[in-house]
Amino acid sequence: MVATLRLLGTKGCHLCEQAEALLLAALKDRHPPIDVEIIDIIDEPLLYERFSTKIPVLQGIDIDPPLTWPFDLREIEDYLNL
C-alpha cells in the first residue's frame, strides 16, 4: 500500500485535470487516507525533462515505474492495489 502519491502535470492541461478527478474518485472515502501531492513539472526541471511528453503521471513513492497517461479508474486502483 502506498502512503504518498504524486500527480505530475502542469497548469492548463485538461488531461491533468481529468487524471486528478479520476485519482480523487479512486481515493474517495479511503481509510486511512492517502496523501496526494500535486506537482507542476514546470517548476521542477528534472521532472520536466523526464515527463514533459508523458503527463499526467501518477507516481507512488515506493512504486516503479510510474503510471503514465492514458489511464482510467481501474488502472489507478490496480496501480495502487486498492
Protein backbone atom coordinates (compact mmCIF):
# COMPACT_ATOMS: atom_id res chain seq x y z
CA MET A 1 0.00 0.00 0.00
CA VAL A 2 1.24 3.44 -0.91
CA ALA A 3 1.37 6.17 1.73
CA THR A 4 2.01 9.12 -0.56
CA LEU A 5 1.28 9.77 -4.23
CA ARG A 6 2.48 12.43 -6.57
CA LEU A 7 0.41 13.55 -9.53
CA LEU A 8 2.69 15.24 -12.03
CA GLY A 9 1.22 17.65 -14.53
CA THR A 10 1.04 21.32 -15.36
CA LYS A 11 -1.45 24.17 -15.23
CA GLY A 12 -3.89 24.37 -18.12
CA CYS A 13 -3.53 20.67 -19.00
CA HIS A 14 -7.03 19.25 -19.45
CA LEU A 15 -5.70 15.69 -19.29
CA CYS A 16 -4.08 16.50 -15.95
CA GLU A 17 -7.42 17.75 -14.68
CA GLN A 18 -9.06 14.50 -15.83
CA ALA A 19 -6.35 12.46 -14.11
CA GLU A 20 -6.82 14.38 -10.87
CA ALA A 21 -10.58 13.75 -10.95
CA LEU A 22 -10.01 10.03 -11.56
CA LEU A 23 -7.47 9.85 -8.74
CA LEU A 24 -9.80 11.60 -6.32
CA ALA A 25 -12.59 9.18 -7.28
CA ALA A 26 -10.27 6.21 -6.66
CA LEU A 27 -9.29 7.55 -3.24
CA LYS A 28 -12.75 8.72 -2.17
CA ASP A 29 -13.61 7.60 1.36
CA ARG A 30 -10.26 5.81 1.65
CA HIS A 31 -9.25 4.90 5.20
CA PRO A 32 -6.57 5.55 6.08
CA PRO A 33 -6.39 8.44 3.62
CA ILE A 34 -3.60 8.54 1.09
CA ASP A 35 -1.74 11.83 0.76
CA VAL A 36 -1.61 13.26 -2.77
CA GLU A 37 0.94 15.86 -3.78
CA ILE A 38 0.11 17.75 -6.98
CA ILE A 39 3.33 18.81 -8.69
CA ASP A 40 3.63 21.23 -11.60
CA ILE A 41 6.56 19.90 -13.61
CA ILE A 42 7.25 23.39 -14.97
CA ASP A 43 8.67 24.19 -11.52
CA GLU A 44 10.86 21.06 -11.44
CA PRO A 45 13.46 20.92 -14.25
CA LEU A 46 14.35 17.25 -13.73
CA LEU A 47 10.71 16.18 -13.74
CA TYR A 48 10.03 18.34 -16.78
CA GLU A 49 12.92 16.73 -18.64
CA ARG A 50 11.75 13.22 -17.78
CA PHE A 51 7.96 13.56 -18.08
CA SER A 52 7.10 16.57 -20.28
CA THR A 53 5.66 14.39 -23.06
CA LYS A 54 4.04 11.86 -20.71
CA ILE A 55 1.89 13.96 -18.34
CA PRO A 56 -0.21 13.39 -16.44
CA VAL A 57 1.84 10.91 -14.43
CA LEU A 58 0.88 9.17 -11.21
CA GLN A 59 3.91 8.31 -9.14
CA GLY A 60 3.79 6.26 -5.99
CA ILE A 61 6.72 6.87 -3.66
CA ASP A 62 7.57 3.15 -3.50
CA ILE A 63 6.17 2.04 -6.86
CA ASP A 64 8.18 1.81 -10.05
CA PRO A 65 7.51 2.51 -12.85
CA PRO A 66 5.11 5.45 -12.59
CA LEU A 67 1.69 5.27 -14.23
CA THR A 68 1.66 7.48 -17.32
CA TRP A 69 -1.30 8.73 -19.32
CA PRO A 70 -3.59 7.36 -20.62
CA PHE A 71 -5.04 5.58 -17.58
CA ASP A 72 -8.51 5.01 -16.20
CA LEU A 73 -10.03 4.42 -12.78
CA ARG A 74 -9.40 0.65 -12.87
CA GLU A 75 -5.73 1.16 -13.79
CA ILE A 76 -5.29 3.61 -10.89
CA GLU A 77 -6.83 1.10 -8.49
CA ASP A 78 -4.60 -1.69 -9.83
CA TYR A 79 -1.52 0.54 -9.63
CA LEU A 80 -2.27 1.33 -6.00
CA ASN A 81 -3.50 -2.16 -5.12
CA LEU A 82 -6.83 -0.78 -3.91
